[in-house]
Amino acid sequence: MNENDLGTLVLDAAFEVHKTLGPGLLENAYEHCLAFELLQKELNIKTQCPLPLVYKDVKLDCGYRLDVVVEDKIVVEVKAVEALNDIHLAQMLTYLKLTGCKLRYLLNFNVLLFKSGIRRVVNNL
């Protein structure tokens, strides 16, 4: 399955979580429910996946973690914040570079209309 097909499944799962729970919970709750929905779709996922930083050929464990990785192709960052801002997008681009993944979703569940909380970022490198 390619990234676009997987992305559709990720968004379907995220919409289901938001429709069921609504806004106002902690990120951790949304992350666990999203993981449940993705597993129900029989997708291979990893949660809280360690992300080492390679600096000048030295691999450093700096404590970075990816919220959800889907089929080793898509990284999903779960947020429950008042608003997404530029630093969230910059972080997404940096994580894409570090992982080598092409596609990343930033999902903010703390919104009334879920589609306004979705940011899709593609790494064209």
PDB file of N, CA and C in Angstrom:
ATOM      1  N   MET A   1       0.849  -1.179   0.000  1.00  0.00           N
ATOM      2  CA  MET A   1       0.000   0.000   0.000  1.00  0.00           C
ATOM      3  C   MET A   1       0.893   1.241   0.000  1.00  0.00           C
ATOM      4  N   ASN A   2       0.565   2.212  -0.837  1.00  0.00           N
ATOM      5  CA  ASN A   2       1.394   3.418  -0.901  1.00  0.00           C
ATOM      6  C   ASN A   2       0.995   4.416   0.182  1.00  0.00           C
ATOM      7  N   GLU A   3       1.774   5.479   0.298  1.00  0.00           N
ATOM      8  CA  GLU A   3       1.567   6.469   1.347  1.00  0.00           C
ATOM      9  C   GLU A   3       0.195   7.134   1.268  1.00  0.00           C
ATOM     10  N   ASN A   4      -0.277   7.417   0.063  1.00  0.00           N
ATOM     11  CA  ASN A   4      -1.571   8.075  -0.070  1.00  0.00           C
ATOM     12  C   ASN A   4      -2.710   7.180   0.403  1.00  0.00           C
ATOM     13  N   ASP A   5      -2.660   5.898   0.048  1.00  0.00           N
ATOM     14  CA  ASP A   5      -3.684   4.955   0.509  1.00  0.00           C
ATOM     15  C   ASP A   5      -3.638   4.812   2.029  1.00  0.00           C
ATOM     16  N   LEU A   6      -2.437   4.709   2.575  1.00  0.00           N
ATOM     17  CA  LEU A   6      -2.287   4.630   4.030  1.00  0.00           C
ATOM     18  C   LEU A   6      -2.773   5.910   4.702  1.00  0.00           C
ATOM     19  N   GLY A   7      -2.474   7.040   4.088  1.00  0.00           N
ATOM     20  CA  GLY A   7      -2.903   8.321   4.631  1.00  0.00           C
ATOM     21  C   GLY A   7      -4.416   8.418   4.732  1.00  0.00           C
ATOM     22  N   THR A   8      -5.112   7.884   3.740  1.00  0.00           N
ATOM     23  CA  THR A   8      -6.575   7.862   3.786  1.00  0.00           C
ATOM     24  C   THR A   8      -7.064   7.051   4.982  1.00  0.00           C
ATOM     25  N   LEU A   9      -6.432   5.909   5.234  1.00  0.00           N
ATOM     26  CA  LEU A   9      -6.813   5.073   6.376  1.00  0.00           C
ATOM     27  C   LEU A   9      -6.516   5.773   7.702  1.00  0.00           C
ATOM     28  N   VAL A  10      -5.391   6.474   7.762  1.00  0.00           N
ATOM     29  CA  VAL A  10      -5.030   7.217   8.971  1.00  0.00           C
ATOM     30  C   VAL A  10      -6.074   8.298   9.245  1.00  0.00           C
ATOM     31  N   LEU A  11      -6.439   9.048   8.210  1.00  0.00           N
ATOM     32  CA  LEU A  11      -7.420  10.120   8.396  1.00  0.00           C
ATOM     33  C   LEU A  11      -8.800   9.571   8.745  1.00  0.00           C
ATOM     34  N   ASP A  12      -9.191   8.462   8.126  1.00  0.00           N
ATOM     35  CA  ASP A  12     -10.466   7.842   8.475  1.00  0.00           C
ATOM     36  C   ASP A  12     -10.491   7.471   9.961  1.00  0.00           C
ATOM     37  N   ALA A  13      -9.394   6.893  10.435  1.00  0.00           N
ATOM     38  CA  ALA A  13      -9.295   6.506  11.847  1.00  0.00           C
ATOM     39  C   ALA A  13      -9.337   7.736  12.749  1.00  0.00           C
ATOM     40  N   ALA A  14      -8.629   8.787  12.361  1.00  0.00           N
ATOM     41  CA  ALA A  14      -8.579  10.010  13.166  1.00  0.00           C
ATOM     42  C   ALA A  14      -9.951  10.680  13.221  1.00  0.00           C
ATOM     43  N   PHE A  15     -10.667  10.718  12.095  1.00  0.00           N
ATOM     44  CA  PHE A  15     -12.014  11.285  12.091  1.00  0.00           C
ATOM     45  C   PHE A  15     -12.931  10.490  13.017  1.00  0.00           C
ATOM     46  N   GLU A  16     -12.788   9.179  13.020  1.00  0.00           N
ATOM     47  CA  GLU A  16     -13.606   8.345  13.899  1.00  0.00           C
ATOM     48  C   GLU A  16     -13.333   8.657  15.371  1.00  0.00           C
ATOM     49  N   VAL A  17     -12.067   8.816  15.708  1.00  0.00           N
ATOM     50  CA  VAL A  17     -11.707   9.150  17.094  1.00  0.00           C
ATOM     51  C   VAL A  17     -12.297  10.498  17.481  1.00  0.00           C
ATOM     52  N   HIS A  18     -12.137  11.493  16.619  1.00  0.00           N
ATOM     53  CA  HIS A  18     -12.643  12.826  16.945  1.00  0.00           C
ATOM     54  C   HIS A  18     -14.165  12.826  17.021  1.00  0.00           C
ATOM     55  N   LYS A  19     -14.813  12.114  16.122  1.00  0.00           N
ATOM     56  CA  LYS A  19     -16.276  12.048  16.130  1.00  0.00           C
ATOM     57  C   LYS A  19     -16.781  11.411  17.429  1.00  0.00           C
ATOM     58  N   THR A  20     -16.063  10.404  17.903  1.00  0.00           N
ATOM     59  CA  THR A  20     -16.474   9.686  19.107  1.00  0.00           C
ATOM     60  C   THR A  20     -16.158  10.459  20.381  1.00  0.00           C
ATOM     61  N   LEU A  21     -14.961  11.047  20.455  1.00  0.00           N
ATOM     62  CA  LEU A  21     -14.521  11.693  21.696  1.00  0.00           C
ATOM     63  C   LEU A  21     -14.744  13.196  21.738  1.00  0.00           C
ATOM     64  N   GLY A  22     -14.635  13.860  20.594  1.00  0.00           N
ATOM     65  CA  GLY A  22     -14.707  15.311  20.568  1.00  0.00           C
ATOM     66  C   GLY A  22     -13.442  15.938  21.132  1.00  0.00           C
ATOM     67  N   PRO A  23     -13.388  17.269  21.197  1.00  0.00           N
ATOM     68  CA  PRO A  23     -12.205  17.957  21.724  1.00  0.00           C
ATOM     69  C   PRO A  23     -12.203  17.977  23.251  1.00  0.00           C
ATOM     70  N   GLY A  24     -11.046  18.335  23.818  1.00  0.00           N
ATOM     71  CA  GLY A  24     -10.975  18.593  25.256  1.00  0.00           C
ATOM     72  C   GLY A  24     -10.220  17.572  26.081  1.00  0.00           C
ATOM     73  N   LEU A  25      -9.751  16.498  25.480  1.00  0.00           N
ATOM     74  CA  LEU A  25      -8.995  15.489  26.232  1.00  0.00           C
ATOM     75  C   LEU A  25      -7.492  15.707  26.055  1.00  0.00           C
ATOM     76  N   LEU A  26      -6.708  14.924  26.767  1.00  0.00           N
ATOM     77  CA  LEU A  26      -5.250  14.980  26.643  1.00  0.00           C
ATOM     78  C   LEU A  26      -4.785  14.245  25.389  1.00  0.00           C
ATOM     79  N   GLU A  27      -3.634  14.643  24.885  1.00  0.00           N
ATOM     80  CA  GLU A  27      -3.062  14.013  23.688  1.00  0.00           C
ATOM     81  C   GLU A  27      -2.964  12.504  23.836  1.00  0.00           C
ATOM     82  N   ASN A  28      -2.569  12.066  25.010  1.00  0.00           N
ATOM     83  CA  ASN A  28      -2.367  10.645  25.254  1.00  0.00           C
ATOM     84  C   ASN A  28      -3.640   9.837  24.974  1.00  0.00           C
ATOM     85  N   ALA A  29      -4.784  10.354  25.332  1.00  0.00           N
ATOM     86  CA  ALA A  29      -6.057   9.664  25.095  1.00  0.00           C
ATOM     87  C   ALA A  29      -6.309   9.522  23.596  1.00  0.00           C
ATOM     88  N   TYR A  30      -6.103  10.595  22.856  1.00  0.00           N
ATOM     89  CA  TYR A  30      -6.314  10.543  21.407  1.00  0.00           C
ATOM     90  C   TYR A  30      -5.324   9.584  20.744  1.00  0.00           C
ATOM     91  N   GLU A  31      -4.080   9.613  21.204  1.00  0.00           N
ATOM     92  CA  GLU A  31      -3.062   8.733  20.629  1.00  0.00           C
ATOM     93  C   GLU A  31      -3.435   7.266  20.823  1.00  0.00           C
ATOM     94  N   HIS A  32      -3.860   6.905  22.031  1.00  0.00           N
ATOM     95  CA  HIS A  32      -4.237   5.513  22.295  1.00  0.00           C
ATOM     96  C   HIS A  32      -5.456   5.092  21.473  1.00  0.00           C
ATOM     97  N   CYS A  33      -6.426   5.974  21.365  1.00  0.00           N
ATOM     98  CA  CYS A  33      -7.615   5.646  20.581  1.00  0.00           C
ATOM     99  C   CYS A  33      -7.301   5.557  19.090  1.00  0.00           C
ATOM    100  N   LEU A  34      -6.440   6.444  18.603  1.00  0.00           N
ATOM    101  CA  LEU A  34      -6.021   6.371  17.204  1.00  0.00           C
ATOM    102  C   LEU A  34      -5.282   5.066  16.934  1.00  0.00           C
ATOM    103  N   ALA A  35      -4.407   4.684  17.838  1.00  0.00           N
ATOM    104  CA  ALA A  35      -3.686   3.411  17.688  1.00  0.00           C
ATOM    105  C   ALA A  35      -4.671   2.246  17.632  1.00  0.00           C
ATOM    106  N   PHE A  36      -5.678   2.265  18.502  1.00  0.00           N
ATOM    107  CA  PHE A  36      -6.705   1.223  18.491  1.00  0.00           C
ATOM    108  C   PHE A  36      -7.394   1.150  17.126  1.00  0.00           C
ATOM    109  N   GLU A  37      -7.808   2.306  16.603  1.00  0.00           N
ATOM    110  CA  GLU A  37      -8.497   2.343  15.312  1.00  0.00           C
ATOM    111  C   GLU A  37      -7.606   1.829  14.176  1.00  0.00           C
ATOM    112  N   LEU A  38      -6.330   2.204  14.207  1.00  0.00           N
ATOM    113  CA  LEU A  38      -5.406   1.753  13.154  1.00  0.00           C
ATOM    114  C   LEU A  38      -5.167   0.246  13.243  1.00  0.00           C
ATOM    115  N   LEU A  39      -5.080  -0.275  14.445  1.00  0.00           N
ATOM    116  CA  LEU A  39      -4.938  -1.725  14.620  1.00  0.00           C
ATOM    117  C   LEU A  39      -6.185  -2.451  14.139  1.00  0.00           C
ATOM    118  N   GLN A  40      -7.353  -1.859  14.335  1.00  0.00           N
ATOM    119  CA  GLN A  40      -8.594  -2.456  13.838  1.00  0.00           C
ATOM    120  C   GLN A  40      -8.590  -2.546  12.310  1.00  0.00           C
ATOM    121  N   LYS A  41      -7.838  -1.669  11.671  1.00  0.00           N
ATOM    122  CA  LYS A  41      -7.702  -1.693  10.211  1.00  0.00           C
ATOM    123  C   LYS A  41      -6.575  -2.627   9.774  1.00  0.00           C
ATOM    124  N   GLU A  42      -6.021  -3.359  10.749  1.00  0.00           N
ATOM    125  CA  GLU A  42      -4.950  -4.337  10.518  1.00  0.00           C
ATOM    126  C   GLU A  42      -3.685  -3.706   9.940  1.00  0.00           C
ATOM    127  N   LEU A  43      -3.392  -2.499  10.394  1.00  0.00           N
ATOM    128  CA  LEU A  43      -2.163  -1.831   9.979  1.00  0.00           C
ATOM    129  C   LEU A  43      -1.065  -2.104  10.987  1.00  0.00           C
ATOM    130  N   ASN A  44       0.150  -2.155  10.504  1.00  0.00           N
ATOM    131  CA  ASN A  44       1.318  -2.315  11.366  1.00  0.00           C
ATOM    132  C   ASN A  44       1.688  -0.925  11.880  1.00  0.00           C
ATOM    133  N   ILE A  45       1.591  -0.759  13.205  1.00  0.00           N
ATOM    134  CA  ILE A  45       1.913   0.545  13.780  1.00  0.00           C
ATOM    135  C   ILE A  45       2.901   0.390  14.933  1.00  0.00           C
ATOM    136  N   LYS A  46       3.577   1.490  15.211  1.00  0.00           N
ATOM    137  CA  LYS A  46       4.431   1.606  16.400  1.00  0.00           C
ATOM    138  C   LYS A  46       4.024   2.892  17.093  1.00  0.00           C
ATOM    139  N   THR A  47       3.938   2.838  18.418  1.00  0.00           N
ATOM    140  CA  THR A  47       3.635   4.048  19.171  1.00  0.00           C
ATOM    141  C   THR A  47       4.816   4.404  20.058  1.00  0.00           C
ATOM    142  N   GLN A  48       4.973   5.709  20.271  1.00  0.00           N
ATOM    143  CA  GLN A  48       6.079   6.228  21.079  1.00  0.00           C
ATOM    144  C   GLN A  48       7.406   5.613  20.646  1.00  0.00           C
ATOM    145  N   CYS A  49       7.616   5.638  19.348  1.00  0.00           N
ATOM    146  CA  CYS A  49       8.794   5.041  18.714  1.00  0.00           C
ATOM    147  C   CYS A  49      10.016   5.955  18.916  1.00  0.00           C
ATOM    148  N   PRO A  50      11.092   5.426  19.514  1.00  0.00           N
ATOM    149  CA  PRO A  50      12.287   6.255  19.728  1.00  0.00           C
ATOM    150  C   PRO A  50      12.852   6.783  18.402  1.00  0.00           C
ATOM    151  N   LEU A  51      13.312   8.006  18.430  1.00  0.00           N
ATOM    152  CA  LEU A  51      13.918   8.628  17.255  1.00  0.00           C
ATOM    153  C   LEU A  51      15.283   9.167  17.641  1.00  0.00           C
ATOM    154  N   PRO A  52      16.329   8.408  17.316  1.00  0.00           N
ATOM    155  CA  PRO A  52      17.669   8.908  17.645  1.00  0.00           C
ATOM    156  C   PRO A  52      18.052  10.064  16.726  1.00  0.00           C
ATOM    157  N   LEU A  53      18.928  10.884  17.204  1.00  0.00           N
ATOM    158  CA  LEU A  53      19.445  12.013  16.448  1.00  0.00           C
ATOM    159  C   LEU A  53      20.865  11.661  16.018  1.00  0.00           C
ATOM    160  N   VAL A  54      21.141  11.771  14.718  1.00  0.00           N
ATOM    161  CA  VAL A  54      22.498  11.542  14.231  1.00  0.00           C
ATOM    162  C   VAL A  54      23.126  12.900  13.979  1.00  0.00           C
ATOM    163  N   TYR A  55      24.173  13.173  14.743  1.00  0.00           N
ATOM    164  CA  TYR A  55      24.866  14.447  14.641  1.00  0.00           C
ATOM    165  C   TYR A  55      26.331  14.178  14.355  1.00  0.00           C
ATOM    166  N   LYS A  56      26.793  14.616  13.178  1.00  0.00           N
ATOM    167  CA  LYS A  56      28.183  14.414  12.766  1.00  0.00           C
ATOM    168  C   LYS A  56      28.595  12.953  12.925  1.00  0.00           C
ATOM    169  N   ASP A  57      27.775  12.075  12.343  1.00  0.00           N
ATOM    170  CA  ASP A  57      28.004  10.623  12.330  1.00  0.00           C
ATOM    171  C   ASP A  57      27.942   9.969  13.706  1.00  0.00           C
ATOM    172  N   VAL A  58      27.434  10.667  14.706  1.00  0.00           N
ATOM    173  CA  VAL A  58      27.284  10.098  16.042  1.00  0.00           C
ATOM    174  C   VAL A  58      25.789   9.971  16.337  1.00  0.00           C
ATOM    175  N   LYS A  59      25.365   8.762  16.677  1.00  0.00           N
ATOM    176  CA  LYS A  59      23.966   8.519  17.005  1.00  0.00           C
ATOM    177  C   LYS A  59      23.730   8.850  18.474  1.00  0.00           C
ATOM    178  N   LEU A  60      22.853   9.836  18.723  1.00  0.00           N
ATOM    179  CA  LEU A  60      22.577  10.304  20.076  1.00  0.00           C
ATOM    180  C   LEU A  60      21.138   9.975  20.457  1.00  0.00           C
ATOM    181  N   ASP A  61      20.954   9.424  21.638  1.00  0.00           N
ATOM    182  CA  ASP A  61      19.606   9.199  22.131  1.00  0.00           C
ATOM    183  C   ASP A  61      19.217  10.416  22.958  1.00  0.00           C
ATOM    184  N   CYS A  62      18.437  11.311  22.324  1.00  0.00           N
ATOM    185  CA  CYS A  62      18.063  12.565  22.966  1.00  0.00           C
ATOM    186  C   CYS A  62      16.651  12.531  23.541  1.00  0.00           C
ATOM    187  N   GLY A  63      16.018  11.381  23.484  1.00  0.00           N
ATOM    188  CA  GLY A  63      14.685  11.266  24.057  1.00  0.00           C
ATOM    189  C   GLY A  63      13.551  11.633  23.117  1.00  0.00           C
ATOM    190  N   TYR A  64      13.836  11.838  21.832  1.00  0.00           N
ATOM    191  CA  TYR A  64      12.756  12.133  20.898  1.00  0.00           C
ATOM    192  C   TYR A  64      11.940  10.871  20.652  1.00  0.00           C
ATOM    193  N   ARG A  65      10.640  11.047  20.537  1.00  0.00           N
ATOM    194  CA  ARG A  65       9.741   9.923  20.283  1.00  0.00           C
ATOM    195  C   ARG A  65       8.701  10.343  19.247  1.00  0.00           C
ATOM    196  N   LEU A  66       8.414   9.419  18.348  1.00  0.00           N
ATOM    197  CA  LEU A  66       7.368   9.632  17.360  1.00  0.00           C
ATOM    198  C   LEU A  66       6.074   9.079  17.932  1.00  0.00           C
ATOM    199  N   ASP A  67       4.989   9.837  17.858  1.00  0.00           N
ATOM    200  CA  ASP A  67       3.728   9.385  18.456  1.00  0.00           C
ATOM    201  C   ASP A  67       3.262   8.075  17.833  1.00  0.00           C
ATOM    202  N   VAL A  68       3.077   8.070  16.511  1.00  0.00           N
ATOM    203  CA  VAL A  68       2.610   6.866  15.819  1.00  0.00           C
ATOM    204  C   VAL A  68       3.327   6.777  14.476  1.00  0.00           C
ATOM    205  N   VAL A  69       3.834   5.588  14.165  1.00  0.00           N
ATOM    206  CA  VAL A  69       4.420   5.313  12.852  1.00  0.00           C
ATOM    207  C   VAL A  69       3.571   4.219  12.216  1.00  0.00           C
ATOM    208  N   VAL A  70       3.092   4.473  10.999  1.00  0.00           N
ATOM    209  CA  VAL A  70       2.200   3.553  10.314  1.00  0.00           C
ATOM    210  C   VAL A  70       2.942   2.890   9.161  1.00  0.00           C
ATOM    211  N   GLU A  71       3.031   1.553   9.239  1.00  0.00           N
ATOM    212  CA  GLU A  71       3.648   0.749   8.173  1.00  0.00           C
ATOM    213  C   GLU A  71       5.059   1.242   7.813  1.00  0.00           C
ATOM    214  N   ASP A  72       5.748   1.843   8.741  1.00  0.00           N
ATOM    215  CA  ASP A  72       7.094   2.396   8.522  1.00  0.00           C
ATOM    216  C   ASP A  72       7.147   3.391   7.364  1.00  0.00           C
ATOM    217  N   LYS A  73       5.993   3.994   7.044  1.00  0.00           N
ATOM    218  CA  LYS A  73       5.920   4.936   5.930  1.00  0.00           C
ATOM    219  C   LYS A  73       5.384   6.304   6.316  1.00  0.00           C
ATOM    220  N   ILE A  74       4.515   6.340   7.321  1.00  0.00           N
ATOM    221  CA  ILE A  74       3.862   7.599   7.701  1.00  0.00           C
ATOM    222  C   ILE A  74       4.077   7.844   9.185  1.00  0.00           C
ATOM    223  N   VAL A  75       4.437   9.071   9.507  1.00  0.00           N
ATOM    224  CA  VAL A  75       4.583   9.485  10.891  1.00  0.00           C
ATOM    225  C   VAL A  75       3.380  10.356  11.242  1.00  0.00           C
ATOM    226  N   VAL A  76       2.753  10.047  12.384  1.00  0.00           N
ATOM    227  CA  VAL A  76       1.595  10.806  12.841  1.00  0.00           C
ATOM    228  C   VAL A  76       1.937  11.448  14.180  1.00  0.00           C
ATOM    229  N   GLU A  77       1.804  12.753  14.238  1.00  0.00           N
ATOM    230  CA  GLU A  77       2.019  13.506  15.476  1.00  0.00           C
ATOM    231  C   GLU A  77       0.650  13.923  15.994  1.00  0.00           C
ATOM    232  N   VAL A  78       0.337  13.524  17.212  1.00  0.00           N
ATOM    233  CA  VAL A  78      -0.958  13.818  17.817  1.00  0.00           C
ATOM    234  C   VAL A  78      -0.811  15.017  18.746  1.00  0.00           C
ATOM    235  N   LYS A  79      -1.692  15.987  18.568  1.00  0.00           N
ATOM    236  CA  LYS A  79      -1.711  17.181  19.414  1.00  0.00           C
ATOM    237  C   LYS A  79      -3.116  17.408  19.956  1.00  0.00           C
ATOM    238  N   ALA A  80      -3.172  18.094  21.075  1.00  0.00           N
ATOM    239  CA  ALA A  80      -4.441  18.571  21.642  1.00  0.00           C
ATOM    240  C   ALA A  80      -4.163  19.966  22.183  1.00  0.00           C
ATOM    241  N   VAL A  81      -3.957  20.900  21.251  1.00  0.00           N
ATOM    242  CA  VAL A  81      -3.553  22.253  21.596  1.00  0.00           C
ATOM    243  C   VAL A  81      -4.589  23.252  21.093  1.00  0.00           C
ATOM    244  N   GLU A  82      -4.509  24.481  21.609  1.00  0.00           N
ATOM    245  CA  GLU A  82      -5.463  25.513  21.208  1.00  0.00           C
ATOM    246  C   GLU A  82      -5.366  25.803  19.709  1.00  0.00           C
ATOM    247  N   ALA A  83      -4.129  25.843  19.204  1.00  0.00           N
ATOM    248  CA  ALA A  83      -3.917  26.100  17.775  1.00  0.00           C
ATOM    249  C   ALA A  83      -2.562  25.559  17.356  1.00  0.00           C
ATOM    250  N   LEU A  84      -2.492  25.090  16.125  1.00  0.00           N
ATOM    251  CA  LEU A  84      -1.205  24.699  15.561  1.00  0.00           C
ATOM    252  C   LEU A  84      -0.479  25.971  15.135  1.00  0.00           C
ATOM    253  N   ASN A  85       0.844  25.973  15.304  1.00  0.00           N
ATOM    254  CA  ASN A  85       1.598  27.147  14.875  1.00  0.00           C
ATOM    255  C   ASN A  85       2.819  26.722  14.060  1.00  0.00           C
ATOM    256  N   ASP A  86       3.599  27.689  13.646  1.00  0.00           N
ATOM    257  CA  ASP A  86       4.726  27.443  12.740  1.00  0.00           C
ATOM    258  C   ASP A  86       5.748  26.469  13.320  1.00  0.00           C
ATOM    259  N   ILE A  87       5.957  26.486  14.636  1.00  0.00           N
ATOM    260  CA  ILE A  87       6.957  25.592  15.217  1.00  0.00           C
ATOM    261  C   ILE A  87       6.529  24.134  15.101  1.00  0.00           C
ATOM    262  N   HIS A  88       5.229  23.865  15.149  1.00  0.00           N
ATOM    263  CA  HIS A  88       4.743  22.498  14.958  1.00  0.00           C
ATOM    264  C   HIS A  88       5.078  22.010  13.549  1.00  0.00           C
ATOM    265  N   LEU A  89       4.895  22.880  12.572  1.00  0.00           N
ATOM    266  CA  LEU A  89       5.205  22.513  11.190  1.00  0.00           C
ATOM    267  C   LEU A  89       6.711  22.342  10.984  1.00  0.00           C
ATOM    268  N   ALA A  90       7.498  23.210  11.592  1.00  0.00           N
ATOM    269  CA  ALA A  90       8.960  23.095  11.487  1.00  0.00           C
ATOM    270  C   ALA A  90       9.425  21.780  12.108  1.00  0.00           C
ATOM    271  N   GLN A  91       8.843  21.426  13.241  1.00  0.00           N
ATOM    272  CA  GLN A  91       9.185  20.163  13.896  1.00  0.00           C
ATOM    273  C   GLN A  91       8.853  18.987  12.983  1.00  0.00           C
ATOM    274  N   MET A  92       7.723  19.057  12.303  1.00  0.00           N
ATOM    275  CA  MET A  92       7.335  17.985  11.388  1.00  0.00           C
ATOM    276  C   MET A  92       8.372  17.793  10.289  1.00  0.00           C
ATOM    277  N   LEU A  93       8.819  18.890   9.712  1.00  0.00           N
ATOM    278  CA  LEU A  93       9.815  18.803   8.634  1.00  0.00           C
ATOM    279  C   LEU A  93      11.122  18.205   9.142  1.00  0.00           C
ATOM    280  N   THR A  94      11.527  18.593  10.333  1.00  0.00           N
ATOM    281  CA  THR A  94      12.754  18.047  10.918  1.00  0.00           C
ATOM    282  C   THR A  94      12.612  16.550  11.150  1.00  0.00           C
ATOM    283  N   TYR A  95      11.489  16.126  11.701  1.00  0.00           N
ATOM    284  CA  TYR A  95      11.254  14.693  11.936  1.00  0.00           C
ATOM    285  C   TYR A  95      11.233  13.907  10.628  1.00  0.00           C
ATOM    286  N   LEU A  96      10.668  14.504   9.580  1.00  0.00           N
ATOM    287  CA  LEU A  96      10.673  13.826   8.280  1.00  0.00           C
ATOM    288  C   LEU A  96      12.100  13.599   7.799  1.00  0.00           C
ATOM    289  N   LYS A  97      12.931  14.595   7.958  1.00  0.00           N
ATOM    290  CA  LYS A  97      14.337  14.450   7.556  1.00  0.00           C
ATOM    291  C   LYS A  97      15.025  13.357   8.365  1.00  0.00           C
ATOM    292  N   LEU A  98      14.767  13.330   9.670  1.00  0.00           N
ATOM    293  CA  LEU A  98      15.423  12.349  10.538  1.00  0.00           C
ATOM    294  C   LEU A  98      14.948  10.930  10.287  1.00  0.00           C
ATOM    295  N   THR A  99      13.683  10.768   9.900  1.00  0.00           N
ATOM    296  CA  THR A  99      13.142   9.420   9.703  1.00  0.00           C
ATOM    297  C   THR A  99      13.313   8.919   8.281  1.00  0.00           C
ATOM    298  N   GLY A 100      13.392   9.826   7.326  1.00  0.00           N
ATOM    299  CA  GLY A 100      13.434   9.405   5.932  1.00  0.00           C
ATOM    300  C   GLY A 100      12.050   9.099   5.373  1.00  0.00           C
ATOM    301  N   CYS A 101      11.012   9.251   6.191  1.00  0.00           N
ATOM    302  CA  CYS A 101       9.643   9.041   5.713  1.00  0.00           C
ATOM    303  C   CYS A 101       9.240  10.183   4.795  1.00  0.00           C
ATOM    304  N   LYS A 102       8.356   9.871   3.848  1.00  0.00           N
ATOM    305  CA  LYS A 102       7.895  10.884   2.916  1.00  0.00           C
ATOM    306  C   LYS A 102       6.704  11.679   3.434  1.00  0.00           C
ATOM    307  N   LEU A 103       5.890  11.055   4.275  1.00  0.00           N
ATOM    308  CA  LEU A 103       4.622  11.662   4.648  1.00  0.00           C
ATOM    309  C   LEU A 103       4.447  11.707   6.155  1.00  0.00           C
ATOM    310  N   ARG A 104       3.931  12.838   6.604  1.00  0.00           N
ATOM    311  CA  ARG A 104       3.693  13.025   8.036  1.00  0.00           C
ATOM    312  C   ARG A 104       2.385  13.788   8.202  1.00  0.00           C
ATOM    313  N   TYR A 105       1.620  13.375   9.216  1.00  0.00           N
ATOM    314  CA  TYR A 105       0.396  14.083   9.573  1.00  0.00           C
ATOM    315  C   TYR A 105       0.531  14.671  10.962  1.00  0.00           C
ATOM    316  N   LEU A 106       0.139  15.913  11.075  1.00  0.00           N
ATOM    317  CA  LEU A 106       0.019  16.579  12.367  1.00  0.00           C
ATOM    318  C   LEU A 106      -1.476  16.712  12.607  1.00  0.00           C
ATOM    319  N   LEU A 107      -1.966  16.027  13.651  1.00  0.00           N
ATOM    320  CA  LEU A 107      -3.400  15.986  13.922  1.00  0.00           C
ATOM    321  C   LEU A 107      -3.690  16.650  15.260  1.00  0.00           C
ATOM    322  N   ASN A 108      -4.414  17.745  15.212  1.00  0.00           N
ATOM    323  CA  ASN A 108      -4.814  18.451  16.426  1.00  0.00           C
ATOM    324  C   ASN A 108      -6.274  18.097  16.723  1.00  0.00           C
ATOM    325  N   PHE A 109      -6.486  17.349  17.795  1.00  0.00           N
ATOM    326  CA  PHE A 109      -7.824  16.906  18.159  1.00  0.00           C
ATOM    327  C   PHE A 109      -8.590  17.936  18.981  1.00  0.00           C
ATOM    328  N   ASN A 110      -7.945  19.004  19.398  1.00  0.00           N
ATOM    329  CA  ASN A 110      -8.594  19.999  20.249  1.00  0.00           C
ATOM    330  C   ASN A 110      -9.244  21.102  19.405  1.00  0.00           C
ATOM    331  N   VAL A 111     -10.061  20.690  18.452  1.00  0.00           N
ATOM    332  CA  VAL A 111     -10.765  21.615  17.570  1.00  0.00           C
ATOM    333  C   VAL A 111     -12.215  21.144  17.441  1.00  0.00           C
ATOM    334  N   LEU A 112     -13.110  22.091  17.167  1.00  0.00           N
ATOM    335  CA  LEU A 112     -14.509  21.708  16.989  1.00  0.00           C
ATOM    336  C   LEU A 112     -14.737  20.971  15.677  1.00  0.00           C
ATOM    337  N   LEU A 113     -14.122  21.465  14.611  1.00  0.00           N
ATOM    338  CA  LEU A 113     -14.240  20.854  13.292  1.00  0.00           C
ATOM    339  C   LEU A 113     -12.898  20.199  12.964  1.00  0.00           C
ATOM    340  N   PHE A 114     -12.872  18.866  12.973  1.00  0.00           N
ATOM    341  CA  PHE A 114     -11.593  18.157  12.907  1.00  0.00           C
ATOM    342  C   PHE A 114     -10.770  18.492  11.665  1.00  0.00           C
ATOM    343  N   LYS A 115     -11.418  18.713  10.532  1.00  0.00           N
ATOM    344  CA  LYS A 115     -10.636  18.985   9.316  1.00  0.00           C
ATOM    345  C   LYS A 115      -9.747  20.220   9.474  1.00  0.00           C
ATOM    346  N   SER A 116     -10.113  21.133  10.366  1.00  0.00           N
ATOM    347  CA  SER A 116      -9.276  22.321  10.588  1.00  0.00           C
ATOM    348  C   SER A 116      -8.044  21.998  11.442  1.00  0.00           C
ATOM    349  N   GLY A 117      -7.983  20.806  12.017  1.00  0.00           N
ATOM    350  CA  GLY A 117      -6.845  20.408  12.838  1.00  0.00           C
ATOM    351  C   GLY A 117      -5.871  19.490  12.132  1.00  0.00           C
ATOM    352  N   ILE A 118      -6.017  19.327  10.828  1.00  0.00           N
ATOM    353  CA  ILE A 118      -5.166  18.397  10.077  1.00  0.00           C
ATOM    354  C   ILE A 118      -4.129  19.159   9.260  1.00  0.00           C
ATOM    355  N   ARG A 119      -2.880  18.761   9.408  1.00  0.00           N
ATOM    356  CA  ARG A 119      -1.800  19.279   8.555  1.00  0.00           C
ATOM    357  C   ARG A 119      -1.070  18.087   7.950  1.00  0.00           C
ATOM    358  N   ARG A 120      -0.943  18.097   6.645  1.00  0.00           N
ATOM    359  CA  ARG A 120      -0.255  17.025   5.917  1.00  0.00           C
ATOM    360  C   ARG A 120       1.020  17.622   5.369  1.00  0.00           C
ATOM    361  N   VAL A 121       2.140  16.977   5.657  1.00  0.00           N
ATOM    362  CA  VAL A 121       3.431  17.468   5.180  1.00  0.00           C
ATOM    363  C   VAL A 121       4.130  16.354   4.423  1.00  0.00           C
ATOM    364  N   VAL A 122       4.621  16.682   3.246  1.00  0.00           N
ATOM    365  CA  VAL A 122       5.306  15.716   2.394  1.00  0.00           C
ATOM    366  C   VAL A 122       6.764  16.110   2.273  1.00  0.00           C
ATOM    367  N   ASN A 123       7.641  15.126   2.402  1.00  0.00           N
ATOM    368  CA  ASN A 123       9.068  15.327   2.216  1.00  0.00           C
ATOM    369  C   ASN A 123       9.420  14.906   0.802  1.00  0.00           C
ATOM    370  N   ASN A 124       9.786  15.858  -0.035  1.00  0.00           N
ATOM    371  CA  ASN A 124      10.090  15.560  -1.437  1.00  0.00           C
ATOM    372  C   ASN A 124      11.559  15.305  -1.691  1.00  0.00           C
ATOM    373  N   LEU A 125      12.347  15.122  -0.634  1.00  0.00           N
ATOM    374  CA  LEU A 125      13.778  14.900  -0.825  1.00  0.00           C
ATOM    375  C   LEU A 125      14.070  13.523  -1.339  1.00  0.00           C
TER     376      LEU A 125
END
